[in-house]
Each structure stands twice: as C-alpha cells, then as structure tokens.
Amino acid sequence: MFSSDSRYANAGTYQVTLADGSVVVVTRIPQTFPGRTVGWYRRGEGERLDVIAYQFLKDATKSWALCDANGALSPDALAAHELIAIPDPGR
C-alpha cells in the first residue's frame, strides 16, 4: 500500500469498528526519530515544504523528513515554524 521509502511503510495497521458496525483498517501514526540535523533554514512567506525538501534533500516527496526533524506530526503543524531544522540527507 505504501512505497518502501514512505514514513508509513513499517507503521502497521489496526482495525476500528465504526458506530454503524462497519470495520475499517487504519494505519498507525509512525514513531518519529529526529536524527541528526545539518542546519537550519528560515522559511519564506508561503514557501512550500516540498520545495524546501527538494532544495536540501533532493527529493520533493521527503517533506515528511522535514516534519520528523522538527517534531511535527504533519506539514500543517510545521507551517507554524519560521526556522526549519534540516535533517541529514543521508538518513
């Protein structure tokens, strides 16, 4: 369901029974491990995370790595950060 380099690849799943009795499978929220950072970047007004991820990590789909490095669960949570920690691209 997820690509091998996705933050959700090894997160696991569980089942939830909804009020109407139907059962759905839910992906667990992955544990994040900030790891080593290589510096900080001052985010410009309206600057998108995928652009920053490409600039520093050479992969626009790695915006989740920016979230992990900054202790943010989602890109929306990282939007409030003016300074963004940049993770080691080799992680």
N, C-alpha and C. Protein backbone atom coordinates (compact mmCIF):
# COMPACT_ATOMS: atom_id res chain seq x y z
N MET A 1 0.82 -1.19 0.00
CA MET A 1 0.00 0.00 0.00
C MET A 1 0.87 1.26 0.00
N PHE A 2 1.98 1.25 0.74
CA PHE A 2 2.90 2.37 0.77
C PHE A 2 4.22 1.96 0.13
N SER A 3 4.90 2.91 -0.49
CA SER A 3 6.20 2.58 -1.06
C SER A 3 7.20 2.30 0.05
N SER A 4 8.25 1.60 -0.27
CA SER A 4 9.22 1.18 0.74
C SER A 4 9.93 2.34 1.43
N ASP A 5 9.99 3.52 0.79
CA ASP A 5 10.65 4.66 1.43
C ASP A 5 9.66 5.62 2.10
N SER A 6 8.41 5.20 2.22
CA SER A 6 7.39 6.01 2.89
C SER A 6 7.56 5.94 4.40
N ARG A 7 7.24 7.03 5.10
CA ARG A 7 7.30 7.02 6.57
C ARG A 7 6.28 6.05 7.14
N TYR A 8 5.30 5.62 6.35
CA TYR A 8 4.25 4.70 6.81
C TYR A 8 4.52 3.24 6.45
N ALA A 9 5.61 2.97 5.75
CA ALA A 9 5.89 1.62 5.24
C ALA A 9 5.87 0.56 6.34
N ASN A 10 6.43 0.85 7.50
CA ASN A 10 6.50 -0.13 8.58
C ASN A 10 5.69 0.28 9.80
N ALA A 11 4.75 1.20 9.62
CA ALA A 11 3.98 1.72 10.75
C ALA A 11 2.98 0.71 11.30
N GLY A 12 2.48 -0.18 10.47
CA GLY A 12 1.49 -1.15 10.91
C GLY A 12 0.07 -0.61 10.83
N THR A 13 -0.88 -1.49 11.07
CA THR A 13 -2.29 -1.12 11.00
C THR A 13 -3.05 -1.70 12.18
N TYR A 14 -4.27 -1.24 12.35
CA TYR A 14 -5.19 -1.82 13.33
C TYR A 14 -6.61 -1.62 12.81
N GLN A 15 -7.57 -2.33 13.42
CA GLN A 15 -8.95 -2.23 12.97
C GLN A 15 -9.76 -1.40 13.95
N VAL A 16 -10.72 -0.65 13.40
CA VAL A 16 -11.62 0.17 14.20
C VAL A 16 -13.04 -0.16 13.77
N THR A 17 -13.91 -0.36 14.74
CA THR A 17 -15.32 -0.58 14.44
C THR A 17 -16.05 0.75 14.57
N LEU A 18 -16.71 1.16 13.51
CA LEU A 18 -17.43 2.43 13.48
C LEU A 18 -18.80 2.29 14.13
N ALA A 19 -19.46 3.39 14.36
CA ALA A 19 -20.76 3.40 15.02
C ALA A 19 -21.80 2.56 14.27
N ASP A 20 -21.69 2.47 12.95
CA ASP A 20 -22.66 1.68 12.17
C ASP A 20 -22.31 0.20 12.12
N GLY A 21 -21.24 -0.20 12.81
CA GLY A 21 -20.83 -1.60 12.87
C GLY A 21 -19.81 -2.01 11.82
N SER A 22 -19.54 -1.14 10.87
CA SER A 22 -18.55 -1.48 9.85
C SER A 22 -17.14 -1.39 10.45
N VAL A 23 -16.26 -2.20 9.91
CA VAL A 23 -14.88 -2.26 10.40
C VAL A 23 -13.96 -1.68 9.32
N VAL A 24 -13.08 -0.81 9.74
CA VAL A 24 -12.11 -0.22 8.82
C VAL A 24 -10.70 -0.48 9.34
N VAL A 25 -9.76 -0.56 8.41
CA VAL A 25 -8.35 -0.74 8.77
C VAL A 25 -7.70 0.64 8.74
N VAL A 26 -6.96 0.95 9.80
CA VAL A 26 -6.35 2.26 9.97
C VAL A 26 -4.84 2.09 10.08
N THR A 27 -4.10 2.99 9.44
CA THR A 27 -2.64 2.98 9.54
C THR A 27 -2.23 3.70 10.81
N ARG A 28 -1.31 3.09 11.55
CA ARG A 28 -0.80 3.71 12.78
C ARG A 28 0.03 4.95 12.42
N ILE A 29 0.05 5.90 13.34
CA ILE A 29 0.92 7.07 13.18
C ILE A 29 2.34 6.60 13.47
N PRO A 30 3.25 6.78 12.53
CA PRO A 30 4.61 6.28 12.74
C PRO A 30 5.34 7.05 13.84
N GLN A 31 6.19 6.32 14.57
CA GLN A 31 7.05 6.99 15.53
C GLN A 31 8.10 7.77 14.75
N THR A 32 8.39 8.95 15.21
CA THR A 32 9.40 9.75 14.52
C THR A 32 10.68 9.79 15.34
N PHE A 33 11.77 9.77 14.63
CA PHE A 33 13.09 9.84 15.24
C PHE A 33 13.84 10.96 14.54
N PRO A 34 13.93 12.13 15.19
CA PRO A 34 14.52 13.28 14.52
C PRO A 34 15.89 13.04 13.89
N GLY A 35 16.74 12.30 14.54
CA GLY A 35 18.06 12.05 13.96
C GLY A 35 18.92 13.30 13.94
N ARG A 36 20.00 13.22 13.21
CA ARG A 36 20.97 14.31 13.14
C ARG A 36 20.49 15.37 12.15
N THR A 37 20.63 16.63 12.54
CA THR A 37 20.31 17.72 11.62
C THR A 37 21.61 18.37 11.17
N VAL A 38 21.55 18.98 10.00
CA VAL A 38 22.75 19.60 9.44
C VAL A 38 22.69 21.12 9.47
N GLY A 39 21.57 21.67 9.90
CA GLY A 39 21.45 23.13 9.98
C GLY A 39 20.00 23.56 10.06
N TRP A 40 19.82 24.86 9.90
CA TRP A 40 18.50 25.47 9.99
C TRP A 40 18.24 26.29 8.73
N TYR A 41 16.97 26.40 8.37
CA TYR A 41 16.58 27.18 7.20
C TYR A 41 15.43 28.10 7.62
N ARG A 42 15.55 29.37 7.30
CA ARG A 42 14.47 30.33 7.58
C ARG A 42 13.49 30.28 6.42
N ARG A 43 12.31 29.79 6.72
CA ARG A 43 11.28 29.61 5.71
C ARG A 43 10.68 30.96 5.30
N GLY A 44 10.57 31.16 4.00
CA GLY A 44 9.98 32.39 3.48
C GLY A 44 8.46 32.32 3.49
N GLU A 45 7.83 33.44 3.43
CA GLU A 45 6.37 33.54 3.41
C GLU A 45 5.78 32.68 2.29
N GLY A 46 4.94 31.73 2.63
CA GLY A 46 4.28 30.88 1.66
C GLY A 46 5.17 29.82 1.01
N GLU A 47 6.38 29.67 1.48
CA GLU A 47 7.30 28.70 0.87
C GLU A 47 6.85 27.28 1.20
N ARG A 48 6.71 26.46 0.18
CA ARG A 48 6.19 25.10 0.34
C ARG A 48 7.27 24.14 0.81
N LEU A 49 6.82 23.16 1.63
CA LEU A 49 7.76 22.17 2.16
C LEU A 49 8.35 21.27 1.08
N ASP A 50 7.58 20.95 0.04
CA ASP A 50 8.13 20.09 -1.00
C ASP A 50 9.28 20.78 -1.73
N VAL A 51 9.22 22.09 -1.86
CA VAL A 51 10.29 22.84 -2.50
C VAL A 51 11.53 22.84 -1.60
N ILE A 52 11.32 23.04 -0.30
CA ILE A 52 12.43 23.01 0.65
C ILE A 52 13.05 21.61 0.69
N ALA A 53 12.20 20.58 0.69
CA ALA A 53 12.70 19.20 0.70
C ALA A 53 13.55 18.93 -0.54
N TYR A 54 13.11 19.41 -1.69
CA TYR A 54 13.89 19.20 -2.91
C TYR A 54 15.22 19.96 -2.83
N GLN A 55 15.17 21.18 -2.31
CA GLN A 55 16.37 22.01 -2.24
C GLN A 55 17.45 21.35 -1.37
N PHE A 56 17.05 20.78 -0.24
CA PHE A 56 18.04 20.24 0.69
C PHE A 56 18.20 18.72 0.65
N LEU A 57 17.13 18.01 0.31
CA LEU A 57 17.17 16.55 0.34
C LEU A 57 17.13 15.94 -1.06
N LYS A 58 17.01 16.77 -2.07
CA LYS A 58 16.98 16.36 -3.48
C LYS A 58 15.82 15.41 -3.81
N ASP A 59 14.73 15.54 -3.01
CA ASP A 59 13.54 14.72 -3.23
C ASP A 59 12.34 15.46 -2.65
N ALA A 60 11.47 15.95 -3.52
CA ALA A 60 10.31 16.73 -3.07
C ALA A 60 9.34 15.91 -2.23
N THR A 61 9.38 14.58 -2.38
CA THR A 61 8.45 13.74 -1.61
C THR A 61 8.94 13.51 -0.18
N LYS A 62 10.10 14.02 0.17
CA LYS A 62 10.65 13.82 1.51
C LYS A 62 10.30 14.96 2.47
N SER A 63 9.22 15.67 2.21
CA SER A 63 8.81 16.73 3.14
C SER A 63 8.48 16.14 4.51
N TRP A 64 8.11 14.86 4.54
CA TRP A 64 7.86 14.19 5.83
C TRP A 64 9.13 14.14 6.68
N ALA A 65 10.33 14.08 6.03
CA ALA A 65 11.59 14.06 6.78
C ALA A 65 11.80 15.41 7.47
N LEU A 66 11.35 16.49 6.83
CA LEU A 66 11.41 17.80 7.48
C LEU A 66 10.50 17.81 8.71
N CYS A 67 9.32 17.23 8.57
CA CYS A 67 8.40 17.15 9.72
C CYS A 67 9.04 16.37 10.86
N ASP A 68 9.62 15.22 10.55
CA ASP A 68 10.27 14.40 11.58
C ASP A 68 11.38 15.17 12.29
N ALA A 69 12.20 15.86 11.52
CA ALA A 69 13.34 16.59 12.08
C ALA A 69 12.90 17.72 13.00
N ASN A 70 11.66 18.17 12.81
CA ASN A 70 11.15 19.30 13.59
C ASN A 70 10.09 18.90 14.60
N GLY A 71 9.89 17.60 14.78
CA GLY A 71 8.91 17.13 15.75
C GLY A 71 7.48 17.49 15.40
N ALA A 72 7.21 17.61 14.12
CA ALA A 72 5.87 17.96 13.64
C ALA A 72 5.20 16.72 13.06
N LEU A 73 3.99 16.46 13.47
CA LEU A 73 3.28 15.28 13.00
C LEU A 73 2.87 15.40 11.54
N SER A 74 2.58 16.62 11.11
CA SER A 74 2.10 16.82 9.74
C SER A 74 2.69 18.11 9.17
N PRO A 75 2.63 18.26 7.85
CA PRO A 75 3.10 19.51 7.24
C PRO A 75 2.35 20.73 7.77
N ASP A 76 1.07 20.59 8.07
CA ASP A 76 0.32 21.72 8.61
C ASP A 76 0.89 22.17 9.96
N ALA A 77 1.33 21.21 10.77
CA ALA A 77 1.91 21.55 12.06
C ALA A 77 3.25 22.26 11.88
N LEU A 78 3.97 21.93 10.83
CA LEU A 78 5.26 22.56 10.56
C LEU A 78 5.09 23.96 9.97
N ALA A 79 3.92 24.27 9.46
CA ALA A 79 3.67 25.57 8.86
C ALA A 79 3.87 26.72 9.84
N ALA A 80 3.72 26.45 11.13
CA ALA A 80 3.89 27.49 12.15
C ALA A 80 5.35 27.77 12.46
N HIS A 81 6.26 26.94 11.97
CA HIS A 81 7.68 27.10 12.25
C HIS A 81 8.32 28.08 11.27
N GLU A 82 8.98 29.08 11.80
CA GLU A 82 9.72 30.01 10.94
C GLU A 82 11.09 29.44 10.59
N LEU A 83 11.73 28.81 11.59
CA LEU A 83 13.00 28.13 11.36
C LEU A 83 12.76 26.65 11.26
N ILE A 84 13.30 26.04 10.22
CA ILE A 84 13.11 24.62 9.99
C ILE A 84 14.45 23.92 10.09
N ALA A 85 14.51 22.91 10.96
CA ALA A 85 15.71 22.08 11.05
C ALA A 85 15.80 21.22 9.80
N ILE A 86 16.97 21.14 9.23
CA ILE A 86 17.19 20.34 8.02
C ILE A 86 17.89 19.04 8.43
N PRO A 87 17.24 17.90 8.15
CA PRO A 87 17.84 16.62 8.53
C PRO A 87 19.02 16.25 7.63
N ASP A 88 19.84 15.39 8.13
CA ASP A 88 20.95 14.85 7.34
C ASP A 88 20.35 14.13 6.14
N PRO A 89 20.70 14.52 4.91
CA PRO A 89 20.11 13.89 3.73
C PRO A 89 20.41 12.40 3.61
N GLY A 90 21.42 11.93 4.30
CA GLY A 90 21.77 10.52 4.22
C GLY A 90 21.00 9.62 5.16
N ARG A 91 20.10 10.21 5.93
CA ARG A 91 19.37 9.38 6.92
C ARG A 91 18.39 8.46 6.28
